Amino acid sequence: MSTEEEENAAELKIPDEFLKAKCLMNCEVALILEHKYEQLQQMADDPMNQMSQVFEKSLQYVKRFSRYKNPDAVRQVREILSRYQLAEFELCVLGNLCPETVEEAKHMVPSIKTRGRAHDDEAIEKMLNDLSLIKKFE
């Protein structure tokens, strides 16, 4: 993207380094931090391995705002959303916020309709239904 173009996430006009960056949903971060927390608990005897306040607050945050708790469900969410050729940040916004309607999804991620991909309302509805099934059976 040239520096003269104005950035606009709604139209996916963002620098290439952000388009190519790997993003994680809150539920994925929660799994990683929980694993690290368990490791730190096992080494709790060593005073050098104590958890920082930032670590604890981060873990609390992602656990509170994670829509999916089960590791298999987390994996399924990423797999389902990956089928729709979404940019990483689009995938994470949808996975974190779990819109219930097509209109909500388009308002949360406006680029889902403007990028010229085949994301018609029916495809978005199917994606949302797949996500709600995971949440229902988690």
Protein backbone atom coordinates (compact mmCIF):
# COMPACT_ATOMS: atom_id res chain seq x y z
CA MET A 1 0.00 0.00 0.00
CA SER A 2 1.44 3.37 -0.90
CA THR A 3 1.82 5.98 1.77
CA GLU A 4 -0.43 8.34 -0.22
CA GLU A 5 -3.46 6.05 0.16
CA GLU A 6 -5.49 6.58 3.26
CA GLU A 7 -5.81 3.61 5.60
CA ASN A 8 -9.33 2.26 5.99
CA ALA A 9 -9.95 -1.08 7.69
CA ALA A 10 -13.55 -1.14 6.44
CA GLU A 11 -12.19 -1.49 2.92
CA LEU A 12 -9.11 -3.52 3.93
CA LYS A 13 -6.85 -0.62 3.03
CA ILE A 14 -4.24 -1.37 5.63
CA PRO A 15 -0.48 -1.83 5.41
CA ASP A 16 0.69 -5.21 4.10
CA GLU A 17 2.44 -6.08 7.36
CA PHE A 18 -0.94 -5.99 9.10
CA LEU A 19 -2.70 -7.97 6.39
CA LYS A 20 -0.05 -10.69 6.63
CA ALA A 21 0.20 -10.69 10.44
CA LYS A 22 -1.11 -13.66 12.37
CA CYS A 23 -3.89 -12.64 14.74
CA LEU A 24 -5.26 -14.63 17.64
CA MET A 25 -8.78 -14.71 18.99
CA ASN A 26 -9.23 -14.14 22.72
CA CYS A 27 -10.05 -17.83 23.20
CA GLU A 28 -6.74 -18.82 21.55
CA VAL A 29 -4.80 -16.41 23.75
CA ALA A 30 -6.62 -17.83 26.78
CA LEU A 31 -5.48 -21.36 25.91
CA ILE A 32 -1.87 -20.22 25.52
CA LEU A 33 -1.87 -18.23 28.77
CA GLU A 34 -3.59 -21.04 30.69
CA HIS A 35 -0.89 -23.44 29.53
CA LYS A 36 1.80 -20.99 30.64
CA TYR A 37 -0.03 -20.50 33.94
CA GLU A 38 0.02 -24.25 34.58
CA GLN A 39 3.75 -24.33 33.84
CA LEU A 40 4.36 -21.46 36.25
CA GLN A 41 2.29 -23.17 38.94
CA GLN A 42 4.47 -26.27 38.66
CA MET A 43 7.56 -24.13 39.19
CA ALA A 44 5.97 -22.07 41.98
CA ASP A 45 8.70 -23.11 44.42
CA ASP A 46 11.19 -20.94 42.55
CA PRO A 47 10.63 -17.27 43.52
CA MET A 48 12.01 -16.16 40.13
CA ASN A 49 9.08 -17.85 38.35
CA GLN A 50 6.29 -15.84 39.92
CA MET A 51 3.58 -14.45 37.70
CA SER A 52 3.53 -10.78 37.00
CA GLN A 53 0.44 -8.73 37.63
CA VAL A 54 0.23 -8.00 33.91
CA PHE A 55 0.19 -11.73 33.15
CA GLU A 56 -2.57 -12.37 35.69
CA LYS A 57 -4.69 -9.45 34.42
CA SER A 58 -4.20 -10.55 30.82
CA LEU A 59 -5.29 -14.07 31.65
CA GLN A 60 -8.36 -12.79 33.50
CA TYR A 61 -9.27 -10.55 30.57
CA VAL A 62 -9.06 -13.19 27.83
CA LYS A 63 -10.87 -15.73 29.97
CA ARG A 64 -13.66 -13.25 30.64
CA PHE A 65 -14.10 -12.26 27.00
CA SER A 66 -13.49 -15.64 25.37
CA ARG A 67 -16.61 -16.90 23.66
CA TYR A 68 -15.27 -20.45 23.41
CA LYS A 69 -13.67 -22.36 26.28
CA ASN A 70 -13.15 -25.87 24.93
CA PRO A 71 -9.87 -26.32 22.98
CA ASP A 72 -11.65 -28.39 20.32
CA ALA A 73 -14.26 -25.67 19.86
CA VAL A 74 -11.52 -23.05 19.53
CA ARG A 75 -9.87 -25.13 16.81
CA GLN A 76 -13.20 -25.61 15.00
CA VAL A 77 -13.96 -21.88 15.05
CA ARG A 78 -10.66 -21.06 13.38
CA GLU A 79 -11.17 -23.86 10.82
CA ILE A 80 -14.67 -22.67 9.94
CA LEU A 81 -13.73 -19.03 9.63
CA SER A 82 -10.60 -19.91 7.62
CA ARG A 83 -12.80 -21.46 4.91
CA TYR A 84 -14.20 -18.04 4.06
CA GLN A 85 -10.94 -16.42 2.91
CA LEU A 86 -11.08 -13.76 5.61
CA ALA A 87 -8.16 -11.55 6.52
CA GLU A 88 -6.72 -12.54 9.90
CA PHE A 89 -8.14 -9.56 11.74
CA GLU A 90 -11.59 -10.16 10.19
CA LEU A 91 -11.48 -13.75 11.38
CA CYS A 92 -10.56 -12.64 14.89
CA VAL A 93 -13.20 -9.94 15.10
CA LEU A 94 -15.91 -12.41 14.07
CA GLY A 95 -14.53 -15.10 16.39
CA ASN A 96 -14.30 -12.70 19.34
CA LEU A 97 -17.59 -10.86 18.93
CA CYS A 98 -19.77 -13.70 17.60
CA PRO A 99 -22.36 -11.68 15.71
CA GLU A 100 -25.77 -13.30 15.58
CA THR A 101 -27.09 -11.74 12.38
CA VAL A 102 -25.71 -10.94 8.95
CA GLU A 103 -26.30 -7.24 9.59
CA GLU A 104 -24.28 -7.38 12.83
CA ALA A 105 -21.44 -9.15 11.03
CA LYS A 106 -21.39 -6.56 8.25
CA HIS A 107 -21.38 -3.71 10.76
CA MET A 108 -18.61 -5.26 12.84
CA VAL A 109 -16.52 -6.17 9.79
CA PRO A 110 -17.57 -3.87 6.92
CA SER A 111 -14.80 -5.23 4.69
CA ILE A 112 -16.57 -8.59 4.60
CA LYS A 113 -18.79 -7.13 1.87
CA THR A 114 -16.51 -4.59 0.21
CA ARG A 115 -13.49 -6.64 -0.70
CA GLY A 116 -15.01 -8.19 -3.81
CA ARG A 117 -15.12 -11.67 -2.35
CA ALA A 118 -18.07 -13.99 -2.67
CA HIS A 119 -19.48 -13.15 0.75
CA ASP A 120 -23.11 -12.72 -0.03
CA ASP A 121 -25.64 -12.66 2.78
CA GLU A 122 -26.28 -16.41 2.43
CA ALA A 123 -22.58 -17.27 2.86
CA ILE A 124 -22.32 -15.00 5.90
CA GLU A 125 -25.49 -16.54 7.35
CA LYS A 126 -24.05 -20.05 6.90
CA MET A 127 -20.79 -18.98 8.59
CA LEU A 128 -22.72 -17.53 11.56
CA ASN A 129 -24.90 -20.65 11.82
CA ASP A 130 -21.80 -22.85 11.87
CA LEU A 131 -20.33 -20.73 14.67
CA SER A 132 -23.54 -20.80 16.70
CA LEU A 133 -23.64 -24.61 16.42
CA ILE A 134 -20.16 -24.81 17.92
CA LYS A 135 -21.18 -22.54 20.77
CA LYS A 136 -24.40 -24.50 21.34
CA PHE A 137 -22.63 -27.88 21.62
CA GLU A 138 -19.53 -26.71 23.45
